[in-house]
Amino acid sequence: PSAEKPGDVKWDALAQAPVPQGAGSSALL
């Protein structure tokens, strides 16, 4: 595979990130 990963999302950061507030973010269910 290429060493580049365009648009790569860091899984650990995504999983542990707090839920942002406001209309621009998804809502917890």
mmCIF file of all heavy atoms, coordinates in Angstrom:
data_MODEL
# 
_entry.id   MODEL 
# 
loop_
_atom_site.group_PDB 
_atom_site.id 
_atom_site.type_symbol 
_atom_site.label_atom_id 
_atom_site.label_alt_id 
_atom_site.label_comp_id 
_atom_site.label_asym_id 
_atom_site.label_entity_id 
_atom_site.label_seq_id 
_atom_site.pdbx_PDB_ins_code 
_atom_site.Cartn_x 
_atom_site.Cartn_y 
_atom_site.Cartn_z 
_atom_site.occupancy 
_atom_site.B_iso_or_equiv 
_atom_site.pdbx_formal_charge 
_atom_site.auth_seq_id 
_atom_site.auth_comp_id 
_atom_site.auth_asym_id 
_atom_site.auth_atom_id 
_atom_site.pdbx_PDB_model_num 
ATOM 1   N N   . PRO A 1 1  ? 0.820   -1.219 0.000  1.00 0.00 ? 1  PRO A N   1 
ATOM 2   C CA  . PRO A 1 1  ? 0.000   0.000  0.000  1.00 0.00 ? 1  PRO A CA  1 
ATOM 3   C C   . PRO A 1 1  ? 0.848   1.262  0.000  1.00 0.00 ? 1  PRO A C   1 
ATOM 4   O O   . PRO A 1 1  ? 2.010   1.253  0.418  1.00 0.00 ? 1  PRO A O   1 
ATOM 5   C CB  . PRO A 1 1  ? -0.807  -0.116 1.295  1.00 0.00 ? 1  PRO A CB  1 
ATOM 6   C CG  . PRO A 1 1  ? 0.019   -0.981 2.189  1.00 0.00 ? 1  PRO A CG  1 
ATOM 7   C CD  . PRO A 1 1  ? 0.718   -1.955 1.272  1.00 0.00 ? 1  PRO A CD  1 
ATOM 8   N N   . SER A 1 2  ? 0.247   2.341  -0.455 1.00 0.00 ? 2  SER A N   1 
ATOM 9   C CA  . SER A 1 2  ? 0.918   3.632  -0.422 1.00 0.00 ? 2  SER A CA  1 
ATOM 10  C C   . SER A 1 2  ? 1.095   4.093  1.024  1.00 0.00 ? 2  SER A C   1 
ATOM 11  O O   . SER A 1 2  ? 0.285   3.770  1.897  1.00 0.00 ? 2  SER A O   1 
ATOM 12  C CB  . SER A 1 2  ? 0.083   4.663  -1.191 1.00 0.00 ? 2  SER A CB  1 
ATOM 13  O OG  . SER A 1 2  ? 0.552   5.974  -0.960 1.00 0.00 ? 2  SER A OG  1 
ATOM 14  N N   . ALA A 1 3  ? 2.153   4.848  1.261  1.00 0.00 ? 3  ALA A N   1 
ATOM 15  C CA  . ALA A 1 3  ? 2.365   5.429  2.588  1.00 0.00 ? 3  ALA A CA  1 
ATOM 16  C C   . ALA A 1 3  ? 1.385   6.570  2.846  1.00 0.00 ? 3  ALA A C   1 
ATOM 17  O O   . ALA A 1 3  ? 1.139   6.946  3.992  1.00 0.00 ? 3  ALA A O   1 
ATOM 18  C CB  . ALA A 1 3  ? 3.793   5.931  2.717  1.00 0.00 ? 3  ALA A CB  1 
ATOM 19  N N   . GLU A 1 4  ? 0.819   7.103  1.773  1.00 0.00 ? 4  GLU A N   1 
ATOM 20  C CA  . GLU A 1 4  ? -0.148  8.195  1.907  1.00 0.00 ? 4  GLU A CA  1 
ATOM 21  C C   . GLU A 1 4  ? -1.549  7.643  2.149  1.00 0.00 ? 4  GLU A C   1 
ATOM 22  O O   . GLU A 1 4  ? -1.938  6.612  1.588  1.00 0.00 ? 4  GLU A O   1 
ATOM 23  C CB  . GLU A 1 4  ? -0.158  9.051  0.640  1.00 0.00 ? 4  GLU A CB  1 
ATOM 24  C CG  . GLU A 1 4  ? 1.132   9.788  0.364  1.00 0.00 ? 4  GLU A CG  1 
ATOM 25  C CD  . GLU A 1 4  ? 0.984   10.686 -0.852 1.00 0.00 ? 4  GLU A CD  1 
ATOM 26  O OE1 . GLU A 1 4  ? 0.124   11.594 -0.832 1.00 0.00 ? 4  GLU A OE1 1 
ATOM 27  O OE2 . GLU A 1 4  ? 1.719   10.474 -1.832 1.00 0.00 ? 4  GLU A OE2 1 
ATOM 28  N N   . LYS A 1 5  ? -2.313  8.373  2.959  1.00 0.00 ? 5  LYS A N   1 
ATOM 29  C CA  . LYS A 1 5  ? -3.706  7.991  3.232  1.00 0.00 ? 5  LYS A CA  1 
ATOM 30  C C   . LYS A 1 5  ? -4.570  9.252  3.218  1.00 0.00 ? 5  LYS A C   1 
ATOM 31  O O   . LYS A 1 5  ? -4.901  9.791  4.273  1.00 0.00 ? 5  LYS A O   1 
ATOM 32  C CB  . LYS A 1 5  ? -3.800  7.276  4.576  1.00 0.00 ? 5  LYS A CB  1 
ATOM 33  C CG  . LYS A 1 5  ? -3.098  5.925  4.616  1.00 0.00 ? 5  LYS A CG  1 
ATOM 34  C CD  . LYS A 1 5  ? -3.380  5.161  5.890  1.00 0.00 ? 5  LYS A CD  1 
ATOM 35  C CE  . LYS A 1 5  ? -2.643  5.747  7.070  1.00 0.00 ? 5  LYS A CE  1 
ATOM 36  N NZ  . LYS A 1 5  ? -2.826  4.932  8.308  1.00 0.00 ? 5  LYS A NZ  1 
ATOM 37  N N   . PRO A 1 6  ? -4.933  9.733  2.013  1.00 0.00 ? 6  PRO A N   1 
ATOM 38  C CA  . PRO A 1 6  ? -5.740  10.962 1.938  1.00 0.00 ? 6  PRO A CA  1 
ATOM 39  C C   . PRO A 1 6  ? -7.032  10.845 2.736  1.00 0.00 ? 6  PRO A C   1 
ATOM 40  O O   . PRO A 1 6  ? -7.750  9.857  2.645  1.00 0.00 ? 6  PRO A O   1 
ATOM 41  C CB  . PRO A 1 6  ? -6.041  11.079 0.434  1.00 0.00 ? 6  PRO A CB  1 
ATOM 42  C CG  . PRO A 1 6  ? -4.945  10.314 -0.237 1.00 0.00 ? 6  PRO A CG  1 
ATOM 43  C CD  . PRO A 1 6  ? -4.631  9.176  0.688  1.00 0.00 ? 6  PRO A CD  1 
ATOM 44  N N   . GLY A 1 7  ? -7.309  11.863 3.537  1.00 0.00 ? 7  GLY A N   1 
ATOM 45  C CA  . GLY A 1 7  ? -8.537  11.877 4.323  1.00 0.00 ? 7  GLY A CA  1 
ATOM 46  C C   . GLY A 1 7  ? -8.532  10.943 5.509  1.00 0.00 ? 7  GLY A C   1 
ATOM 47  O O   . GLY A 1 7  ? -9.587  10.682 6.102  1.00 0.00 ? 7  GLY A O   1 
ATOM 48  N N   . ASP A 1 8  ? -7.354  10.427 5.877  1.00 0.00 ? 8  ASP A N   1 
ATOM 49  C CA  . ASP A 1 8  ? -7.274  9.430  6.939  1.00 0.00 ? 8  ASP A CA  1 
ATOM 50  C C   . ASP A 1 8  ? -7.873  9.951  8.242  1.00 0.00 ? 8  ASP A C   1 
ATOM 51  O O   . ASP A 1 8  ? -7.621  11.084 8.660  1.00 0.00 ? 8  ASP A O   1 
ATOM 52  C CB  . ASP A 1 8  ? -5.809  9.038  7.162  1.00 0.00 ? 8  ASP A CB  1 
ATOM 53  C CG  . ASP A 1 8  ? -5.633  8.003  8.251  1.00 0.00 ? 8  ASP A CG  1 
ATOM 54  O OD1 . ASP A 1 8  ? -6.433  7.051  8.284  1.00 0.00 ? 8  ASP A OD1 1 
ATOM 55  O OD2 . ASP A 1 8  ? -4.704  8.149  9.068  1.00 0.00 ? 8  ASP A OD2 1 
ATOM 56  N N   . VAL A 1 9  ? -8.672  9.104  8.898  1.00 0.00 ? 9  VAL A N   1 
ATOM 57  C CA  . VAL A 1 9  ? -9.261  9.423  10.191 1.00 0.00 ? 9  VAL A CA  1 
ATOM 58  C C   . VAL A 1 9  ? -8.531  8.626  11.260 1.00 0.00 ? 9  VAL A C   1 
ATOM 59  O O   . VAL A 1 9  ? -8.352  7.417  11.134 1.00 0.00 ? 9  VAL A O   1 
ATOM 60  C CB  . VAL A 1 9  ? -10.766 9.075  10.221 1.00 0.00 ? 9  VAL A CB  1 
ATOM 61  C CG1 . VAL A 1 9  ? -11.342 9.286  11.615 1.00 0.00 ? 9  VAL A CG1 1 
ATOM 62  C CG2 . VAL A 1 9  ? -11.507 9.933  9.207  1.00 0.00 ? 9  VAL A CG2 1 
ATOM 63  N N   . LYS A 1 10 ? -8.111  9.288  12.304 1.00 0.00 ? 10 LYS A N   1 
ATOM 64  C CA  . LYS A 1 10 ? -7.451  8.599  13.410 1.00 0.00 ? 10 LYS A CA  1 
ATOM 65  C C   . LYS A 1 10 ? -8.501  7.947  14.294 1.00 0.00 ? 10 LYS A C   1 
ATOM 66  O O   . LYS A 1 10 ? -9.283  8.615  14.962 1.00 0.00 ? 10 LYS A O   1 
ATOM 67  C CB  . LYS A 1 10 ? -6.617  9.586  14.234 1.00 0.00 ? 10 LYS A CB  1 
ATOM 68  C CG  . LYS A 1 10 ? -5.556  10.309 13.425 1.00 0.00 ? 10 LYS A CG  1 
ATOM 69  C CD  . LYS A 1 10 ? -4.549  9.353  12.807 1.00 0.00 ? 10 LYS A CD  1 
ATOM 70  C CE  . LYS A 1 10 ? -3.476  10.100 12.038 1.00 0.00 ? 10 LYS A CE  1 
ATOM 71  N NZ  . LYS A 1 10 ? -2.558  9.178  11.326 1.00 0.00 ? 10 LYS A NZ  1 
ATOM 72  N N   . TRP A 1 11 ? -8.542  6.618  14.274 1.00 0.00 ? 11 TRP A N   1 
ATOM 73  C CA  . TRP A 1 11 ? -9.606  5.885  14.956 1.00 0.00 ? 11 TRP A CA  1 
ATOM 74  C C   . TRP A 1 11 ? -9.675  6.166  16.444 1.00 0.00 ? 11 TRP A C   1 
ATOM 75  O O   . TRP A 1 11 ? -10.730 6.398  16.993 1.00 0.00 ? 11 TRP A O   1 
ATOM 76  C CB  . TRP A 1 11 ? -9.412  4.387  14.722 1.00 0.00 ? 11 TRP A CB  1 
ATOM 77  C CG  . TRP A 1 11 ? -10.239 3.922  13.597 1.00 0.00 ? 11 TRP A CG  1 
ATOM 78  C CD1 . TRP A 1 11 ? -9.947  4.008  12.274 1.00 0.00 ? 11 TRP A CD1 1 
ATOM 79  C CD2 . TRP A 1 11 ? -11.528 3.338  13.669 1.00 0.00 ? 11 TRP A CD2 1 
ATOM 80  N NE1 . TRP A 1 11 ? -10.966 3.508  11.519 1.00 0.00 ? 11 TRP A NE1 1 
ATOM 81  C CE2 . TRP A 1 11 ? -11.941 3.083  12.347 1.00 0.00 ? 11 TRP A CE2 1 
ATOM 82  C CE3 . TRP A 1 11 ? -12.381 3.002  14.711 1.00 0.00 ? 11 TRP A CE3 1 
ATOM 83  C CZ2 . TRP A 1 11 ? -13.170 2.507  12.047 1.00 0.00 ? 11 TRP A CZ2 1 
ATOM 84  C CZ3 . TRP A 1 11 ? -13.596 2.420  14.412 1.00 0.00 ? 11 TRP A CZ3 1 
ATOM 85  C CH2 . TRP A 1 11 ? -13.975 2.188  13.095 1.00 0.00 ? 11 TRP A CH2 1 
ATOM 86  N N   . ASP A 1 12 ? -8.539  6.141  17.114 1.00 0.00 ? 12 ASP A N   1 
ATOM 87  C CA  . ASP A 1 12 ? -8.568  6.346  18.561 1.00 0.00 ? 12 ASP A CA  1 
ATOM 88  C C   . ASP A 1 12 ? -9.128  7.716  18.911 1.00 0.00 ? 12 ASP A C   1 
ATOM 89  O O   . ASP A 1 12 ? -9.923  7.870  19.830 1.00 0.00 ? 12 ASP A O   1 
ATOM 90  C CB  . ASP A 1 12 ? -7.162  6.190  19.141 1.00 0.00 ? 12 ASP A CB  1 
ATOM 91  C CG  . ASP A 1 12 ? -6.670  4.758  19.077 1.00 0.00 ? 12 ASP A CG  1 
ATOM 92  O OD1 . ASP A 1 12 ? -7.519  3.859  18.918 1.00 0.00 ? 12 ASP A OD1 1 
ATOM 93  O OD2 . ASP A 1 12 ? -5.445  4.533  19.172 1.00 0.00 ? 12 ASP A OD2 1 
ATOM 94  N N   . ALA A 1 13 ? -8.717  8.708  18.144 1.00 0.00 ? 13 ALA A N   1 
ATOM 95  C CA  . ALA A 1 13 ? -9.188  10.066 18.422 1.00 0.00 ? 13 ALA A CA  1 
ATOM 96  C C   . ALA A 1 13 ? -10.688 10.171 18.155 1.00 0.00 ? 13 ALA A C   1 
ATOM 97  O O   . ALA A 1 13 ? -11.427 10.806 18.900 1.00 0.00 ? 13 ALA A O   1 
ATOM 98  C CB  . ALA A 1 13 ? -8.428  11.066 17.555 1.00 0.00 ? 13 ALA A CB  1 
ATOM 99  N N   . LEU A 1 14 ? -11.158 9.530  17.100 1.00 0.00 ? 14 LEU A N   1 
ATOM 100 C CA  . LEU A 1 14 ? -12.579 9.586  16.760 1.00 0.00 ? 14 LEU A CA  1 
ATOM 101 C C   . LEU A 1 14 ? -13.421 8.895  17.820 1.00 0.00 ? 14 LEU A C   1 
ATOM 102 O O   . LEU A 1 14 ? -14.467 9.384  18.227 1.00 0.00 ? 14 LEU A O   1 
ATOM 103 C CB  . LEU A 1 14 ? -12.818 8.928  15.399 1.00 0.00 ? 14 LEU A CB  1 
ATOM 104 C CG  . LEU A 1 14 ? -14.257 8.934  14.888 1.00 0.00 ? 14 LEU A CG  1 
ATOM 105 C CD1 . LEU A 1 14 ? -14.712 10.354 14.604 1.00 0.00 ? 14 LEU A CD1 1 
ATOM 106 C CD2 . LEU A 1 14 ? -14.391 8.075  13.635 1.00 0.00 ? 14 LEU A CD2 1 
ATOM 107 N N   . ALA A 1 15 ? -12.941 7.752  18.279 1.00 0.00 ? 15 ALA A N   1 
ATOM 108 C CA  . ALA A 1 15 ? -13.717 6.972  19.237 1.00 0.00 ? 15 ALA A CA  1 
ATOM 109 C C   . ALA A 1 15 ? -13.815 7.650  20.598 1.00 0.00 ? 15 ALA A C   1 
ATOM 110 O O   . ALA A 1 15 ? -14.824 7.540  21.286 1.00 0.00 ? 15 ALA A O   1 
ATOM 111 C CB  . ALA A 1 15 ? -13.097 5.588  19.389 1.00 0.00 ? 15 ALA A CB  1 
ATOM 112 N N   . GLN A 1 16 ? -12.745 8.368  20.973 1.00 0.00 ? 16 GLN A N   1 
ATOM 113 C CA  . GLN A 1 16 ? -12.697 8.925  22.313 1.00 0.00 ? 16 GLN A CA  1 
ATOM 114 C C   . GLN A 1 16 ? -13.114 10.395 22.381 1.00 0.00 ? 16 GLN A C   1 
ATOM 115 O O   . GLN A 1 16 ? -13.265 10.953 23.448 1.00 0.00 ? 16 GLN A O   1 
ATOM 116 C CB  . GLN A 1 16 ? -11.275 8.777  22.867 1.00 0.00 ? 16 GLN A CB  1 
ATOM 117 C CG  . GLN A 1 16 ? -10.848 7.323  22.989 1.00 0.00 ? 16 GLN A CG  1 
ATOM 118 C CD  . GLN A 1 16 ? -9.379  7.176  23.348 1.00 0.00 ? 16 GLN A CD  1 
ATOM 119 O OE1 . GLN A 1 16 ? -8.732  8.145  23.722 1.00 0.00 ? 16 GLN A OE1 1 
ATOM 120 N NE2 . GLN A 1 16 ? -8.859  5.960  23.247 1.00 0.00 ? 16 GLN A NE2 1 
ATOM 121 N N   . ALA A 1 17 ? -13.300 11.001 21.217 1.00 0.00 ? 17 ALA A N   1 
ATOM 122 C CA  . ALA A 1 17 ? -13.602 12.430 21.194 1.00 0.00 ? 17 ALA A CA  1 
ATOM 123 C C   . ALA A 1 17 ? -14.952 12.711 21.843 1.00 0.00 ? 17 ALA A C   1 
ATOM 124 O O   . ALA A 1 17 ? -15.903 11.955 21.668 1.00 0.00 ? 17 ALA A O   1 
ATOM 125 C CB  . ALA A 1 17 ? -13.606 12.936 19.760 1.00 0.00 ? 17 ALA A CB  1 
ATOM 126 N N   . PRO A 1 18 ? -15.057 13.816 22.573 1.00 0.00 ? 18 PRO A N   1 
ATOM 127 C CA  . PRO A 1 18 ? -16.366 14.183 23.131 1.00 0.00 ? 18 PRO A CA  1 
ATOM 128 C C   . PRO A 1 18 ? -17.315 14.576 22.017 1.00 0.00 ? 18 PRO A C   1 
ATOM 129 O O   . PRO A 1 18 ? -16.905 14.994 20.941 1.00 0.00 ? 18 PRO A O   1 
ATOM 130 C CB  . PRO A 1 18 ? -16.030 15.381 24.033 1.00 0.00 ? 18 PRO A CB  1 
ATOM 131 C CG  . PRO A 1 18 ? -14.771 15.961 23.444 1.00 0.00 ? 18 PRO A CG  1 
ATOM 132 C CD  . PRO A 1 18 ? -14.005 14.778 22.922 1.00 0.00 ? 18 PRO A CD  1 
ATOM 133 N N   . VAL A 1 19 ? -18.608 14.437 22.269 1.00 0.00 ? 19 VAL A N   1 
ATOM 134 C CA  . VAL A 1 19 ? -19.603 14.790 21.269 1.00 0.00 ? 19 VAL A CA  1 
ATOM 135 C C   . VAL A 1 19 ? -19.715 16.306 21.203 1.00 0.00 ? 19 VAL A C   1 
ATOM 136 O O   . VAL A 1 19 ? -20.042 16.947 22.198 1.00 0.00 ? 19 VAL A O   1 
ATOM 137 C CB  . VAL A 1 19 ? -20.971 14.194 21.618 1.00 0.00 ? 19 VAL A CB  1 
ATOM 138 C CG1 . VAL A 1 19 ? -21.985 14.542 20.539 1.00 0.00 ? 19 VAL A CG1 1 
ATOM 139 C CG2 . VAL A 1 19 ? -20.846 12.694 21.782 1.00 0.00 ? 19 VAL A CG2 1 
ATOM 140 N N   . PRO A 1 20 ? -19.443 16.925 20.052 1.00 0.00 ? 20 PRO A N   1 
ATOM 141 C CA  . PRO A 1 20 ? -19.554 18.380 19.952 1.00 0.00 ? 20 PRO A CA  1 
ATOM 142 C C   . PRO A 1 20 ? -21.001 18.829 20.053 1.00 0.00 ? 20 PRO A C   1 
ATOM 143 O O   . PRO A 1 20 ? -21.917 18.099 19.690 1.00 0.00 ? 20 PRO A O   1 
ATOM 144 C CB  . PRO A 1 20 ? -18.979 18.683 18.564 1.00 0.00 ? 20 PRO A CB  1 
ATOM 145 C CG  . PRO A 1 20 ? -19.127 17.408 17.805 1.00 0.00 ? 20 PRO A CG  1 
ATOM 146 C CD  . PRO A 1 20 ? -19.014 16.305 18.811 1.00 0.00 ? 20 PRO A CD  1 
ATOM 147 N N   . GLN A 1 21 ? -21.205 20.031 20.526 1.00 0.00 ? 21 GLN A N   1 
ATOM 148 C CA  . GLN A 1 21 ? -22.548 20.556 20.714 1.00 0.00 ? 21 GLN A CA  1 
ATOM 149 C C   . GLN A 1 21 ? -22.946 21.433 19.538 1.00 0.00 ? 21 GLN A C   1 
ATOM 150 O O   . GLN A 1 21 ? -22.106 21.971 18.833 1.00 0.00 ? 21 GLN A O   1 
ATOM 151 C CB  . GLN A 1 21 ? -22.618 21.373 22.016 1.00 0.00 ? 21 GLN A CB  1 
ATOM 152 C CG  . GLN A 1 21 ? -22.271 20.552 23.259 1.00 0.00 ? 21 GLN A CG  1 
ATOM 153 C CD  . GLN A 1 21 ? -23.236 19.406 23.473 1.00 0.00 ? 21 GLN A CD  1 
ATOM 154 O OE1 . GLN A 1 21 ? -24.450 19.595 23.413 1.00 0.00 ? 21 GLN A OE1 1 
ATOM 155 N NE2 . GLN A 1 21 ? -22.713 18.221 23.727 1.00 0.00 ? 21 GLN A NE2 1 
ATOM 156 N N   . GLY A 1 22 ? -24.254 21.603 19.333 1.00 0.00 ? 22 GLY A N   1 
ATOM 157 C CA  . GLY A 1 22 ? -24.727 22.520 18.310 1.00 0.00 ? 22 GLY A CA  1 
ATOM 158 C C   . GLY A 1 22 ? -25.250 21.811 17.090 1.00 0.00 ? 22 GLY A C   1 
ATOM 159 O O   . GLY A 1 22 ? -25.082 20.611 16.907 1.00 0.00 ? 22 GLY A O   1 
ATOM 160 N N   . ALA A 1 23 ? -25.859 22.576 16.204 1.00 0.00 ? 23 ALA A N   1 
ATOM 161 C CA  . ALA A 1 23 ? -26.509 22.008 15.018 1.00 0.00 ? 23 ALA A CA  1 
ATOM 162 C C   . ALA A 1 23 ? -25.527 21.432 14.031 1.00 0.00 ? 23 ALA A C   1 
ATOM 163 O O   . ALA A 1 23 ? -25.908 20.651 13.175 1.00 0.00 ? 23 ALA A O   1 
ATOM 164 C CB  . ALA A 1 23 ? -27.348 23.083 14.332 1.00 0.00 ? 23 ALA A CB  1 
ATOM 165 N N   . GLY A 1 24 ? -24.259 21.836 14.108 1.00 0.00 ? 24 GLY A N   1 
ATOM 166 C CA  . GLY A 1 24 ? -23.299 21.358 13.128 1.00 0.00 ? 24 GLY A CA  1 
ATOM 167 C C   . GLY A 1 24 ? -22.738 19.992 13.420 1.00 0.00 ? 24 GLY A C   1 
ATOM 168 O O   . GLY A 1 24 ? -21.897 19.495 12.694 1.00 0.00 ? 24 GLY A O   1 
ATOM 169 N N   . SER A 1 25 ? -23.171 19.350 14.478 1.00 0.00 ? 25 SER A N   1 
ATOM 170 C CA  . SER A 1 25 ? -22.619 18.049 14.813 1.00 0.00 ? 25 SER A CA  1 
ATOM 171 C C   . SER A 1 25 ? -23.730 17.030 14.979 1.00 0.00 ? 25 SER A C   1 
ATOM 172 O O   . SER A 1 25 ? -24.884 17.368 15.203 1.00 0.00 ? 25 SER A O   1 
ATOM 173 C CB  . SER A 1 25 ? -21.805 18.141 16.113 1.00 0.00 ? 25 SER A CB  1 
ATOM 174 O OG  . SER A 1 25 ? -22.654 18.524 17.175 1.00 0.00 ? 25 SER A OG  1 
ATOM 175 N N   . SER A 1 26 ? -23.351 15.765 14.876 1.00 0.00 ? 26 SER A N   1 
ATOM 176 C CA  . SER A 1 26 ? -24.359 14.723 15.024 1.00 0.00 ? 26 SER A CA  1 
ATOM 177 C C   . SER A 1 26 ? -24.751 14.560 16.478 1.00 0.00 ? 26 SER A C   1 
ATOM 178 O O   . SER A 1 26 ? -23.997 14.877 17.387 1.00 0.00 ? 26 SER A O   1 
ATOM 179 C CB  . SER A 1 26 ? -23.824 13.401 14.484 1.00 0.00 ? 26 SER A CB  1 
ATOM 180 O OG  . SER A 1 26 ? -22.689 13.013 15.206 1.00 0.00 ? 26 SER A OG  1 
ATOM 181 N N   . ALA A 1 27 ? -25.940 14.059 16.692 1.00 0.00 ? 27 ALA A N   1 
ATOM 182 C CA  . ALA A 1 27 ? -26.486 13.965 18.043 1.00 0.00 ? 27 ALA A CA  1 
ATOM 183 C C   . ALA A 1 27 ? -26.353 12.557 18.590 1.00 0.00 ? 27 ALA A C   1 
ATOM 184 O O   . ALA A 1 27 ? -26.519 11.590 17.868 1.00 0.00 ? 27 ALA A O   1 
ATOM 185 C CB  . ALA A 1 27 ? -27.951 14.374 18.027 1.00 0.00 ? 27 ALA A CB  1 
ATOM 186 N N   . LEU A 1 28 ? -26.074 12.462 19.891 1.00 0.00 ? 28 LEU A N   1 
ATOM 187 C CA  . LEU A 1 28 ? -26.080 11.160 20.542 1.00 0.00 ? 28 LEU A CA  1 
ATOM 188 C C   . LEU A 1 28 ? -27.509 10.648 20.644 1.00 0.00 ? 28 LEU A C   1 
ATOM 189 O O   . LEU A 1 28 ? -28.454 11.408 20.819 1.00 0.00 ? 28 LEU A O   1 
ATOM 190 C CB  . LEU A 1 28 ? -25.498 11.280 21.955 1.00 0.00 ? 28 LEU A CB  1 
ATOM 191 C CG  . LEU A 1 28 ? -23.978 11.204 22.061 1.00 0.00 ? 28 LEU A CG  1 
ATOM 192 C CD1 . LEU A 1 28 ? -23.576 11.419 23.513 1.00 0.00 ? 28 LEU A CD1 1 
ATOM 193 C CD2 . LEU A 1 28 ? -23.459 9.875  21.576 1.00 0.00 ? 28 LEU A CD2 1 
ATOM 194 N N   . LEU A 1 29 ? -27.664 9.329  20.564 1.00 0.00 ? 29 LEU A N   1 
ATOM 195 C CA  . LEU A 1 29 ? -29.000 8.737  20.564 1.00 0.00 ? 29 LEU A CA  1 
ATOM 196 C C   . LEU A 1 29 ? -29.188 7.786  21.725 1.00 0.00 ? 29 LEU A C   1 
ATOM 197 O O   . LEU A 1 29 ? -28.251 7.153  22.196 1.00 0.00 ? 29 LEU A O   1 
ATOM 198 C CB  . LEU A 1 29 ? -29.226 7.956  19.264 1.00 0.00 ? 29 LEU A CB  1 
ATOM 199 C CG  . LEU A 1 29 ? -29.160 8.751  17.969 1.00 0.00 ? 29 LEU A CG  1 
ATOM 200 C CD1 . LEU A 1 29 ? -29.339 7.805  16.804 1.00 0.00 ? 29 LEU A CD1 1 
ATOM 201 C CD2 . LEU A 1 29 ? -30.232 9.811  17.945 1.00 0.00 ? 29 LEU A CD2 1 
# 
